[in-house]
């Protein structure tokens, strides 16, 4: 939010995690992203 930081920088450790868990396997088209889902609900339900 605000465009101040690309998700690639925010979640770069997830790419490292995948590489460690899948040695030698290409990452293909994987990329760091943020999924945002807006809900209408109570805090307890959330």
ModelCIF file with pLDDT and N, C-alpha, C, O atoms, coordinates in Angstrom:
data_MODEL
#
_entry.id   MODEL 
#
_entity.id                         1 
_entity.type                       polymer 
_entity.pdbx_number_of_molecules   1 
#
_entity_poly.entity_id                      1 
_entity_poly.type                           'polypeptide(L)' 
_entity_poly.nstd_linkage                   no 
_entity_poly.nstd_monomer                   no 
_entity_poly.pdbx_seq_one_letter_code       
;(UNK)(UNK)(UNK)(UNK)(UNK)(UNK)(UNK)(UNK)(UNK)(UNK)(UNK)(UNK)(UNK)(UNK)(UNK)(UNK)
(UNK)(UNK)(UNK)(UNK)(UNK)(UNK)(UNK)(UNK)(UNK)(UNK)(UNK)(UNK)(UNK)(UNK)(UNK)(UNK)
(UNK)(UNK)(UNK)(UNK)(UNK)(UNK)(UNK)(UNK)(UNK)(UNK)(UNK)(UNK)(UNK)(UNK)
;
_entity_poly.pdbx_seq_one_letter_code_can   XXXXXXXXXXXXXXXXXXXXXXXXXXXXXXXXXXXXXXXXXXXXXX 
_entity_poly.pdbx_strand_id                 A 
#
loop_
_entity_poly_seq.entity_id 
_entity_poly_seq.num 
_entity_poly_seq.mon_id 
_entity_poly_seq.hetero 
1 1  UNK n 
1 2  UNK n 
1 3  UNK n 
1 4  UNK n 
1 5  UNK n 
1 6  UNK n 
1 7  UNK n 
1 8  UNK n 
1 9  UNK n 
1 10 UNK n 
1 11 UNK n 
1 12 UNK n 
1 13 UNK n 
1 14 UNK n 
1 15 UNK n 
1 16 UNK n 
1 17 UNK n 
1 18 UNK n 
1 19 UNK n 
1 20 UNK n 
1 21 UNK n 
1 22 UNK n 
1 23 UNK n 
1 24 UNK n 
1 25 UNK n 
1 26 UNK n 
1 27 UNK n 
1 28 UNK n 
1 29 UNK n 
1 30 UNK n 
1 31 UNK n 
1 32 UNK n 
1 33 UNK n 
1 34 UNK n 
1 35 UNK n 
1 36 UNK n 
1 37 UNK n 
1 38 UNK n 
1 39 UNK n 
1 40 UNK n 
1 41 UNK n 
1 42 UNK n 
1 43 UNK n 
1 44 UNK n 
1 45 UNK n 
1 46 UNK n 
#
_struct_asym.id          A 
_struct_asym.entity_id   1 
#
loop_
_ma_qa_metric.id 
_ma_qa_metric.mode 
_ma_qa_metric.name 
_ma_qa_metric.software_group_id 
_ma_qa_metric.type 
1 global pLDDT . pLDDT 
2 local  pLDDT . pLDDT 
#
_ma_qa_metric_global.metric_id      1 
_ma_qa_metric_global.metric_value   86.63 
_ma_qa_metric_global.model_id       1 
_ma_qa_metric_global.ordinal_id     1 
#
loop_
_ma_qa_metric_local.label_asym_id 
_ma_qa_metric_local.label_comp_id 
_ma_qa_metric_local.label_seq_id 
_ma_qa_metric_local.metric_id 
_ma_qa_metric_local.metric_value 
_ma_qa_metric_local.model_id 
_ma_qa_metric_local.ordinal_id 
A UNK 1  2 64.00 1 1  
A UNK 2  2 66.00 1 2  
A UNK 3  2 63.00 1 3  
A UNK 4  2 67.00 1 4  
A UNK 5  2 73.00 1 5  
A UNK 6  2 79.00 1 6  
A UNK 7  2 78.00 1 7  
A UNK 8  2 79.00 1 8  
A UNK 9  2 83.00 1 9  
A UNK 10 2 84.00 1 10 
A UNK 11 2 87.00 1 11 
A UNK 12 2 87.00 1 12 
A UNK 13 2 90.00 1 13 
A UNK 14 2 90.00 1 14 
A UNK 15 2 90.00 1 15 
A UNK 16 2 90.00 1 16 
A UNK 17 2 88.00 1 17 
A UNK 18 2 88.00 1 18 
A UNK 19 2 89.00 1 19 
A UNK 20 2 88.00 1 20 
A UNK 21 2 85.00 1 21 
A UNK 22 2 85.00 1 22 
A UNK 23 2 88.00 1 23 
A UNK 24 2 88.00 1 24 
A UNK 25 2 88.00 1 25 
A UNK 26 2 90.00 1 26 
A UNK 27 2 89.00 1 27 
A UNK 28 2 91.00 1 28 
A UNK 29 2 93.00 1 29 
A UNK 30 2 92.00 1 30 
A UNK 31 2 91.00 1 31 
A UNK 32 2 90.00 1 32 
A UNK 33 2 88.00 1 33 
A UNK 34 2 89.00 1 34 
A UNK 35 2 91.00 1 35 
A UNK 36 2 90.00 1 36 
A UNK 37 2 92.00 1 37 
A UNK 38 2 93.00 1 38 
A UNK 39 2 93.00 1 39 
A UNK 40 2 94.00 1 40 
A UNK 41 2 93.00 1 41 
A UNK 42 2 93.00 1 42 
A UNK 43 2 94.00 1 43 
A UNK 44 2 94.00 1 44 
A UNK 45 2 94.00 1 45 
A UNK 46 2 94.00 1 46 
#
loop_
_atom_site.group_PDB 
_atom_site.id 
_atom_site.type_symbol 
_atom_site.label_atom_id 
_atom_site.label_alt_id 
_atom_site.label_comp_id 
_atom_site.label_asym_id 
_atom_site.label_entity_id 
_atom_site.label_seq_id 
_atom_site.pdbx_PDB_ins_code 
_atom_site.Cartn_x 
_atom_site.Cartn_y 
_atom_site.Cartn_z 
_atom_site.occupancy 
_atom_site.B_iso_or_equiv 
_atom_site.pdbx_formal_charge 
_atom_site.auth_seq_id 
_atom_site.auth_comp_id 
_atom_site.auth_asym_id 
_atom_site.auth_atom_id 
_atom_site.pdbx_PDB_model_num 
ATOM 1   N N  . UNK A 1 1  ? 0.826   -1.207  0.000   1.00 64.00 ? 1  UNK A N  1 
ATOM 2   C CA . UNK A 1 1  ? 0.000   0.000   0.000   1.00 64.00 ? 1  UNK A CA 1 
ATOM 3   C C  . UNK A 1 1  ? 0.863   1.260   0.000   1.00 64.00 ? 1  UNK A C  1 
ATOM 4   O O  . UNK A 1 1  ? 1.853   1.345   0.726   1.00 64.00 ? 1  UNK A O  1 
ATOM 5   N N  . UNK A 1 2  ? 0.488   2.211   -0.799  1.00 66.00 ? 2  UNK A N  1 
ATOM 6   C CA . UNK A 1 2  ? 1.246   3.445   -0.930  1.00 66.00 ? 2  UNK A CA 1 
ATOM 7   C C  . UNK A 1 2  ? 2.354   3.343   -1.971  1.00 66.00 ? 2  UNK A C  1 
ATOM 8   O O  . UNK A 1 2  ? 2.981   4.344   -2.317  1.00 66.00 ? 2  UNK A O  1 
ATOM 9   N N  . UNK A 1 3  ? 2.594   2.126   -2.471  1.00 63.00 ? 3  UNK A N  1 
ATOM 10  C CA . UNK A 1 3  ? 3.588   1.920   -3.511  1.00 63.00 ? 3  UNK A CA 1 
ATOM 11  C C  . UNK A 1 3  ? 5.022   2.099   -3.071  1.00 63.00 ? 3  UNK A C  1 
ATOM 12  O O  . UNK A 1 3  ? 5.921   2.169   -3.909  1.00 63.00 ? 3  UNK A O  1 
ATOM 13  N N  . UNK A 1 4  ? 5.260   2.176   -1.735  1.00 67.00 ? 4  UNK A N  1 
ATOM 14  C CA . UNK A 1 4  ? 6.614   2.469   -1.291  1.00 67.00 ? 4  UNK A CA 1 
ATOM 15  C C  . UNK A 1 4  ? 7.567   1.275   -1.340  1.00 67.00 ? 4  UNK A C  1 
ATOM 16  O O  . UNK A 1 4  ? 8.783   1.466   -1.346  1.00 67.00 ? 4  UNK A O  1 
ATOM 17  N N  . UNK A 1 5  ? 7.043   0.046   -1.374  1.00 73.00 ? 5  UNK A N  1 
ATOM 18  C CA . UNK A 1 5  ? 7.916   -1.126  -1.349  1.00 73.00 ? 5  UNK A CA 1 
ATOM 19  C C  . UNK A 1 5  ? 7.341   -2.217  -2.240  1.00 73.00 ? 5  UNK A C  1 
ATOM 20  O O  . UNK A 1 5  ? 6.201   -2.634  -2.033  1.00 73.00 ? 5  UNK A O  1 
ATOM 21  N N  . UNK A 1 6  ? 8.092   -2.687  -3.219  1.00 79.00 ? 6  UNK A N  1 
ATOM 22  C CA . UNK A 1 6  ? 7.591   -3.789  -4.052  1.00 79.00 ? 6  UNK A CA 1 
ATOM 23  C C  . UNK A 1 6  ? 7.441   -5.061  -3.218  1.00 79.00 ? 6  UNK A C  1 
ATOM 24  O O  . UNK A 1 6  ? 8.224   -5.297  -2.298  1.00 79.00 ? 6  UNK A O  1 
ATOM 25  N N  . UNK A 1 7  ? 6.448   -5.871  -3.533  1.00 78.00 ? 7  UNK A N  1 
ATOM 26  C CA . UNK A 1 7  ? 6.255   -7.117  -2.787  1.00 78.00 ? 7  UNK A CA 1 
ATOM 27  C C  . UNK A 1 7  ? 7.463   -8.030  -2.953  1.00 78.00 ? 7  UNK A C  1 
ATOM 28  O O  . UNK A 1 7  ? 7.752   -8.834  -2.066  1.00 78.00 ? 7  UNK A O  1 
ATOM 29  N N  . UNK A 1 8  ? 8.176   -7.920  -4.077  1.00 79.00 ? 8  UNK A N  1 
ATOM 30  C CA . UNK A 1 8  ? 9.372   -8.738  -4.277  1.00 79.00 ? 8  UNK A CA 1 
ATOM 31  C C  . UNK A 1 8  ? 10.386  -8.475  -3.166  1.00 79.00 ? 8  UNK A C  1 
ATOM 32  O O  . UNK A 1 8  ? 11.075  -9.395  -2.725  1.00 79.00 ? 8  UNK A O  1 
ATOM 33  N N  . UNK A 1 9  ? 10.481  -7.233  -2.715  1.00 83.00 ? 9  UNK A N  1 
ATOM 34  C CA . UNK A 1 9  ? 11.391  -6.901  -1.617  1.00 83.00 ? 9  UNK A CA 1 
ATOM 35  C C  . UNK A 1 9  ? 10.818  -7.330  -0.267  1.00 83.00 ? 9  UNK A C  1 
ATOM 36  O O  . UNK A 1 9  ? 11.552  -7.808  0.598   1.00 83.00 ? 9  UNK A O  1 
ATOM 37  N N  . UNK A 1 10 ? 9.529   -7.163  -0.090  1.00 84.00 ? 10 UNK A N  1 
ATOM 38  C CA . UNK A 1 10 ? 8.880   -7.499  1.175   1.00 84.00 ? 10 UNK A CA 1 
ATOM 39  C C  . UNK A 1 10 ? 8.906   -9.001  1.437   1.00 84.00 ? 10 UNK A C  1 
ATOM 40  O O  . UNK A 1 10 ? 9.091   -9.431  2.575   1.00 84.00 ? 10 UNK A O  1 
ATOM 41  N N  . UNK A 1 11 ? 8.721   -9.798  0.386   1.00 87.00 ? 11 UNK A N  1 
ATOM 42  C CA . UNK A 1 11 ? 8.606   -11.245 0.549   1.00 87.00 ? 11 UNK A CA 1 
ATOM 43  C C  . UNK A 1 11 ? 9.735   -12.013 -0.122  1.00 87.00 ? 11 UNK A C  1 
ATOM 44  O O  . UNK A 1 11 ? 9.545   -13.166 -0.509  1.00 87.00 ? 11 UNK A O  1 
ATOM 45  N N  . UNK A 1 12 ? 10.909  -11.397 -0.268  1.00 87.00 ? 12 UNK A N  1 
ATOM 46  C CA . UNK A 1 12 ? 12.022  -12.073 -0.928  1.00 87.00 ? 12 UNK A CA 1 
ATOM 47  C C  . UNK A 1 12 ? 12.446  -13.346 -0.200  1.00 87.00 ? 12 UNK A C  1 
ATOM 48  O O  . UNK A 1 12 ? 12.954  -14.271 -0.835  1.00 87.00 ? 12 UNK A O  1 
ATOM 49  N N  . UNK A 1 13 ? 12.254  -13.414 1.097   1.00 90.00 ? 13 UNK A N  1 
ATOM 50  C CA . UNK A 1 13 ? 12.637  -14.602 1.857   1.00 90.00 ? 13 UNK A CA 1 
ATOM 51  C C  . UNK A 1 13 ? 11.785  -15.822 1.482   1.00 90.00 ? 13 UNK A C  1 
ATOM 52  O O  . UNK A 1 13 ? 12.213  -16.957 1.690   1.00 90.00 ? 13 UNK A O  1 
ATOM 53  N N  . UNK A 1 14 ? 10.583  -15.597 0.930   1.00 90.00 ? 14 UNK A N  1 
ATOM 54  C CA . UNK A 1 14 ? 9.746   -16.726 0.514   1.00 90.00 ? 14 UNK A CA 1 
ATOM 55  C C  . UNK A 1 14 ? 10.357  -17.433 -0.692  1.00 90.00 ? 14 UNK A C  1 
ATOM 56  O O  . UNK A 1 14 ? 10.266  -18.656 -0.805  1.00 90.00 ? 14 UNK A O  1 
ATOM 57  N N  . UNK A 1 15 ? 10.975  -16.680 -1.588  1.00 90.00 ? 15 UNK A N  1 
ATOM 58  C CA . UNK A 1 15 ? 11.672  -17.288 -2.727  1.00 90.00 ? 15 UNK A CA 1 
ATOM 59  C C  . UNK A 1 15 ? 12.862  -18.102 -2.225  1.00 90.00 ? 15 UNK A C  1 
ATOM 60  O O  . UNK A 1 15 ? 13.138  -19.186 -2.737  1.00 90.00 ? 15 UNK A O  1 
ATOM 61  N N  . UNK A 1 16 ? 13.557  -17.581 -1.230  1.00 90.00 ? 16 UNK A N  1 
ATOM 62  C CA . UNK A 1 16 ? 14.681  -18.309 -0.643  1.00 90.00 ? 16 UNK A CA 1 
ATOM 63  C C  . UNK A 1 16 ? 14.191  -19.592 0.039   1.00 90.00 ? 16 UNK A C  1 
ATOM 64  O O  . UNK A 1 16 ? 14.832  -20.637 -0.066  1.00 90.00 ? 16 UNK A O  1 
ATOM 65  N N  . UNK A 1 17 ? 13.061  -19.508 0.733   1.00 88.00 ? 17 UNK A N  1 
ATOM 66  C CA . UNK A 1 17 ? 12.481  -20.683 1.387   1.00 88.00 ? 17 UNK A CA 1 
ATOM 67  C C  . UNK A 1 17 ? 12.169  -21.755 0.346   1.00 88.00 ? 17 UNK A C  1 
ATOM 68  O O  . UNK A 1 17 ? 12.500  -22.925 0.535   1.00 88.00 ? 17 UNK A O  1 
ATOM 69  N N  . UNK A 1 18 ? 11.532  -21.352 -0.749  1.00 88.00 ? 18 UNK A N  1 
ATOM 70  C CA . UNK A 1 18 ? 11.180  -22.311 -1.793  1.00 88.00 ? 18 UNK A CA 1 
ATOM 71  C C  . UNK A 1 18 ? 12.435  -22.969 -2.369  1.00 88.00 ? 18 UNK A C  1 
ATOM 72  O O  . UNK A 1 18 ? 12.457  -24.181 -2.582  1.00 88.00 ? 18 UNK A O  1 
ATOM 73  N N  . UNK A 1 19 ? 13.478  -22.175 -2.623  1.00 89.00 ? 19 UNK A N  1 
ATOM 74  C CA . UNK A 1 19 ? 14.721  -22.708 -3.177  1.00 89.00 ? 19 UNK A CA 1 
ATOM 75  C C  . UNK A 1 19 ? 15.373  -23.710 -2.222  1.00 89.00 ? 19 UNK A C  1 
ATOM 76  O O  . UNK A 1 19 ? 15.914  -24.722 -2.667  1.00 89.00 ? 19 UNK A O  1 
ATOM 77  N N  . UNK A 1 20 ? 15.327  -23.441 -0.923  1.00 88.00 ? 20 UNK A N  1 
ATOM 78  C CA . UNK A 1 20 ? 15.894  -24.367 0.063   1.00 88.00 ? 20 UNK A CA 1 
ATOM 79  C C  . UNK A 1 20 ? 15.094  -25.661 0.154   1.00 88.00 ? 20 UNK A C  1 
ATOM 80  O O  . UNK A 1 20 ? 15.665  -26.737 0.329   1.00 88.00 ? 20 UNK A O  1 
ATOM 81  N N  . UNK A 1 21 ? 13.782  -25.558 0.035   1.00 85.00 ? 21 UNK A N  1 
ATOM 82  C CA . UNK A 1 21 ? 12.923  -26.734 0.157   1.00 85.00 ? 21 UNK A CA 1 
ATOM 83  C C  . UNK A 1 21 ? 12.849  -27.546 -1.144  1.00 85.00 ? 21 UNK A C  1 
ATOM 84  O O  . UNK A 1 21 ? 12.429  -28.703 -1.134  1.00 85.00 ? 21 UNK A O  1 
ATOM 85  N N  . UNK A 1 22 ? 13.251  -26.942 -2.242  1.00 85.00 ? 22 UNK A N  1 
ATOM 86  C CA . UNK A 1 22 ? 13.181  -27.592 -3.560  1.00 85.00 ? 22 UNK A CA 1 
ATOM 87  C C  . UNK A 1 22 ? 14.502  -27.444 -4.295  1.00 85.00 ? 22 UNK A C  1 
ATOM 88  O O  . UNK A 1 22 ? 14.538  -26.848 -5.372  1.00 85.00 ? 22 UNK A O  1 
ATOM 89  N N  . UNK A 1 23 ? 15.606  -27.980 -3.732  1.00 88.00 ? 23 UNK A N  1 
ATOM 90  C CA . UNK A 1 23 ? 16.922  -27.764 -4.354  1.00 88.00 ? 23 UNK A CA 1 
ATOM 91  C C  . UNK A 1 23 ? 16.992  -28.302 -5.783  1.00 88.00 ? 23 UNK A C  1 
ATOM 92  O O  . UNK A 1 23 ? 16.560  -29.416 -6.079  1.00 88.00 ? 23 UNK A O  1 
ATOM 93  N N  . UNK A 1 24 ? 17.550  -27.469 -6.648  1.00 88.00 ? 24 UNK A N  1 
ATOM 94  C CA . UNK A 1 24 ? 17.740  -27.861 -8.038  1.00 88.00 ? 24 UNK A CA 1 
ATOM 95  C C  . UNK A 1 24 ? 16.497  -27.787 -8.901  1.00 88.00 ? 24 UNK A C  1 
ATOM 96  O O  . UNK A 1 24 ? 16.577  -27.987 -10.113 1.00 88.00 ? 24 UNK A O  1 
ATOM 97  N N  . UNK A 1 25 ? 15.363  -27.509 -8.312  1.00 88.00 ? 25 UNK A N  1 
ATOM 98  C CA . UNK A 1 25 ? 14.111  -27.422 -9.064  1.00 88.00 ? 25 UNK A CA 1 
ATOM 99  C C  . UNK A 1 25 ? 13.891  -25.983 -9.515  1.00 88.00 ? 25 UNK A C  1 
ATOM 100 O O  . UNK A 1 25 ? 13.974  -25.073 -8.690  1.00 88.00 ? 25 UNK A O  1 
ATOM 101 N N  . UNK A 1 26 ? 13.615  -25.748 -10.791 1.00 90.00 ? 26 UNK A N  1 
ATOM 102 C CA . UNK A 1 26 ? 13.406  -24.364 -11.249 1.00 90.00 ? 26 UNK A CA 1 
ATOM 103 C C  . UNK A 1 26 ? 12.133  -23.773 -10.639 1.00 90.00 ? 26 UNK A C  1 
ATOM 104 O O  . UNK A 1 26 ? 11.172  -24.492 -10.366 1.00 90.00 ? 26 UNK A O  1 
ATOM 105 N N  . UNK A 1 27 ? 12.139  -22.476 -10.432 1.00 89.00 ? 27 UNK A N  1 
ATOM 106 C CA . UNK A 1 27 ? 10.983  -21.814 -9.820  1.00 89.00 ? 27 UNK A CA 1 
ATOM 107 C C  . UNK A 1 27 ? 9.857   -21.575 -10.812 1.00 89.00 ? 27 UNK A C  1 
ATOM 108 O O  . UNK A 1 27 ? 8.743   -21.240 -10.408 1.00 89.00 ? 27 UNK A O  1 
ATOM 109 N N  . UNK A 1 28 ? 10.122  -21.739 -12.090 1.00 91.00 ? 28 UNK A N  1 
ATOM 110 C CA . UNK A 1 28 ? 9.076   -21.547 -13.094 1.00 91.00 ? 28 UNK A CA 1 
ATOM 111 C C  . UNK A 1 28 ? 8.583   -20.110 -13.099 1.00 91.00 ? 28 UNK A C  1 
ATOM 112 O O  . UNK A 1 28 ? 9.379   -19.174 -13.167 1.00 91.00 ? 28 UNK A O  1 
ATOM 113 N N  . UNK A 1 29 ? 7.283   -19.938 -13.028 1.00 93.00 ? 29 UNK A N  1 
ATOM 114 C CA . UNK A 1 29 ? 6.702   -18.592 -13.085 1.00 93.00 ? 29 UNK A CA 1 
ATOM 115 C C  . UNK A 1 29 ? 6.314   -18.072 -11.701 1.00 93.00 ? 29 UNK A C  1 
ATOM 116 O O  . UNK A 1 29 ? 5.565   -17.102 -11.592 1.00 93.00 ? 29 UNK A O  1 
ATOM 117 N N  . UNK A 1 30 ? 6.816   -18.708 -10.652 1.00 92.00 ? 30 UNK A N  1 
ATOM 118 C CA . UNK A 1 30 ? 6.516   -18.231 -9.296  1.00 92.00 ? 30 UNK A CA 1 
ATOM 119 C C  . UNK A 1 30 ? 7.078   -16.828 -9.109  1.00 92.00 ? 30 UNK A C  1 
ATOM 120 O O  . UNK A 1 30 ? 8.114   -16.468 -9.667  1.00 92.00 ? 30 UNK A O  1 
ATOM 121 N N  . UNK A 1 31 ? 6.360   -16.051 -8.308  1.00 91.00 ? 31 UNK A N  1 
ATOM 122 C CA . UNK A 1 31 ? 6.813   -14.695 -7.986  1.00 91.00 ? 31 UNK A CA 1 
ATOM 123 C C  . UNK A 1 31 ? 6.217   -14.293 -6.652  1.00 91.00 ? 31 UNK A C  1 
ATOM 124 O O  . UNK A 1 31 ? 5.176   -14.823 -6.262  1.00 91.00 ? 31 UNK A O  1 
ATOM 125 N N  . UNK A 1 32 ? 6.852   -13.364 -5.939  1.00 90.00 ? 32 UNK A N  1 
ATOM 126 C CA . UNK A 1 32 ? 6.281   -12.891 -4.682  1.00 90.00 ? 32 UNK A CA 1 
ATOM 127 C C  . UNK A 1 32 ? 5.104   -11.951 -4.965  1.00 90.00 ? 32 UNK A C  1 
ATOM 128 O O  . UNK A 1 32 ? 5.228   -10.998 -5.734  1.00 90.00 ? 32 UNK A O  1 
ATOM 129 N N  . UNK A 1 33 ? 3.976   -12.232 -4.342  1.00 88.00 ? 33 UNK A N  1 
ATOM 130 C CA . UNK A 1 33 ? 2.782   -11.387 -4.466  1.00 88.00 ? 33 UNK A CA 1 
ATOM 131 C C  . UNK A 1 33 ? 2.099   -11.316 -3.107  1.00 88.00 ? 33 UNK A C  1 
ATOM 132 O O  . UNK A 1 33 ? 2.403   -12.090 -2.198  1.00 88.00 ? 33 UNK A O  1 
ATOM 133 N N  . UNK A 1 34 ? 1.190   -10.391 -2.990  1.00 89.00 ? 34 UNK A N  1 
ATOM 134 C CA . UNK A 1 34 ? 0.359   -10.318 -1.793  1.00 89.00 ? 34 UNK A CA 1 
ATOM 135 C C  . UNK A 1 34 ? -1.093  -10.484 -2.210  1.00 89.00 ? 34 UNK A C  1 
ATOM 136 O O  . UNK A 1 34 ? -1.612  -9.705  -3.010  1.00 89.00 ? 34 UNK A O  1 
ATOM 137 N N  . UNK A 1 35 ? -1.750  -11.514 -1.659  1.00 91.00 ? 35 UNK A N  1 
ATOM 138 C CA . UNK A 1 35 ? -3.177  -11.729 -1.890  1.00 91.00 ? 35 UNK A CA 1 
ATOM 139 C C  . UNK A 1 35 ? -3.929  -10.972 -0.807  1.00 91.00 ? 35 UNK A C  1 
ATOM 140 O O  . UNK A 1 35 ? -3.707  -11.187 0.384   1.00 91.00 ? 35 UNK A O  1 
ATOM 141 N N  . UNK A 1 36 ? -4.822  -10.082 -1.235  1.00 90.00 ? 36 UNK A N  1 
ATOM 142 C CA . UNK A 1 36 ? -5.638  -9.296  -0.300  1.00 90.00 ? 36 UNK A CA 1 
ATOM 143 C C  . UNK A 1 36 ? -7.102  -9.620  -0.557  1.00 90.00 ? 36 UNK A C  1 
ATOM 144 O O  . UNK A 1 36 ? -7.606  -9.460  -1.669  1.00 90.00 ? 36 UNK A O  1 
ATOM 145 N N  . UNK A 1 37 ? -7.772  -10.078 0.489   1.00 92.00 ? 37 UNK A N  1 
ATOM 146 C CA . UNK A 1 37 ? -9.188  -10.416 0.382   1.00 92.00 ? 37 UNK A CA 1 
ATOM 147 C C  . UNK A 1 37 ? -9.938  -9.557  1.397   1.00 92.00 ? 37 UNK A C  1 
ATOM 148 O O  . UNK A 1 37 ? -9.672  -9.616  2.597   1.00 92.00 ? 37 UNK A O  1 
ATOM 149 N N  . UNK A 1 38 ? -10.878 -8.758  0.894   1.00 93.00 ? 38 UNK A N  1 
ATOM 150 C CA . UNK A 1 38 ? -11.690 -7.909  1.757   1.00 93.00 ? 38 UNK A CA 1 
ATOM 151 C C  . UNK A 1 38 ? -12.992 -8.634  2.096   1.00 93.00 ? 38 UNK A C  1 
ATOM 152 O O  . UNK A 1 38 ? -13.692 -9.141  1.220   1.00 93.00 ? 38 UNK A O  1 
ATOM 153 N N  . UNK A 1 39 ? -13.289 -8.666  3.388   1.00 93.00 ? 39 UNK A N  1 
ATOM 154 C CA . UNK A 1 39 ? -14.466 -9.367  3.894   1.00 93.00 ? 39 UNK A CA 1 
ATOM 155 C C  . UNK A 1 39 ? -15.346 -8.420  4.681   1.00 93.00 ? 39 UNK A C  1 
ATOM 156 O O  . UNK A 1 39 ? -14.876 -7.410  5.205   1.00 93.00 ? 39 UNK A O  1 
ATOM 157 N N  . UNK A 1 40 ? -16.616 -8.747  4.760   1.00 94.00 ? 40 UNK A N  1 
ATOM 158 C CA . UNK A 1 40 ? -17.522 -8.101  5.695   1.00 94.00 ? 40 UNK A CA 1 
ATOM 159 C C  . UNK A 1 40 ? -17.888 -9.169  6.710   1.00 94.00 ? 40 UNK A C  1 
ATOM 160 O O  . UNK A 1 40 ? -18.551 -10.152 6.381   1.00 94.00 ? 40 UNK A O  1 
ATOM 161 N N  . UNK A 1 41 ? -17.445 -8.965  7.957   1.00 93.00 ? 41 UNK A N  1 
ATOM 162 C CA . UNK A 1 41 ? -17.702 -9.962  8.992   1.00 93.00 ? 41 UNK A CA 1 
ATOM 163 C C  . UNK A 1 41 ? -17.313 -9.388  10.358  1.00 93.00 ? 41 UNK A C  1 
ATOM 164 O O  . UNK A 1 41 ? -16.759 -8.293  10.457  1.00 93.00 ? 41 UNK A O  1 
ATOM 165 N N  . UNK A 1 42 ? -17.614 -10.146 11.388  1.00 93.00 ? 42 UNK A N  1 
ATOM 166 C CA . UNK A 1 42 ? -17.204 -9.761  12.739  1.00 93.00 ? 42 UNK A CA 1 
ATOM 167 C C  . UNK A 1 42 ? -15.722 -10.099 12.922  1.00 93.00 ? 42 UNK A C  1 
ATOM 168 O O  . UNK A 1 42 ? -15.146 -10.855 12.139  1.00 93.00 ? 42 UNK A O  1 
ATOM 169 N N  . UNK A 1 43 ? -15.119 -9.532  13.960  1.00 94.00 ? 43 UNK A N  1 
ATOM 170 C CA . UNK A 1 43 ? -13.730 -9.829  14.266  1.00 94.00 ? 43 UNK A CA 1 
ATOM 171 C C  . UNK A 1 43 ? -13.555 -11.316 14.593  1.00 94.00 ? 43 UNK A C  1 
ATOM 172 O O  . UNK A 1 43 ? -12.573 -11.935 14.183  1.00 94.00 ? 43 UNK A O  1 
ATOM 173 N N  . UNK A 1 44 ? -14.484 -11.863 15.309  1.00 94.00 ? 44 UNK A N  1 
ATOM 174 C CA . UNK A 1 44 ? -14.422 -13.292 15.666  1.00 94.00 ? 44 UNK A CA 1 
ATOM 175 C C  . UNK A 1 44 ? -14.448 -14.174 14.415  1.00 94.00 ? 44 UNK A C  1 
ATOM 176 O O  . UNK A 1 44 ? -13.692 -15.139 14.314  1.00 94.00 ? 44 UNK A O  1 
ATOM 177 N N  . UNK A 1 45 ? -15.306 -13.843 13.482  1.00 94.00 ? 45 UNK A N  1 
ATOM 178 C CA . UNK A 1 45 ? -15.383 -14.612 12.232  1.00 94.00 ? 45 UNK A CA 1 
ATOM 179 C C  . UNK A 1 45 ? -14.116 -14.438 11.420  1.00 94.00 ? 45 UNK A C  1 
ATOM 180 O O  . UNK A 1 45 ? -13.612 -15.408 10.853  1.00 94.00 ? 45 UNK A O  1 
ATOM 181 N N  . UNK A 1 46 ? -13.588 -13.224 11.351  1.00 94.00 ? 46 UNK A N  1 
ATOM 182 C CA . UNK A 1 46 ? -12.342 -12.966 10.636  1.00 94.00 ? 46 UNK A CA 1 
ATOM 183 C C  . UNK A 1 46 ? -11.216 -13.821 11.201  1.00 94.00 ? 46 UNK A C  1 
ATOM 184 O O  . UNK A 1 46 ? -10.083 -13.742 10.726  1.00 94.00 ? 46 UNK A O  1 
#
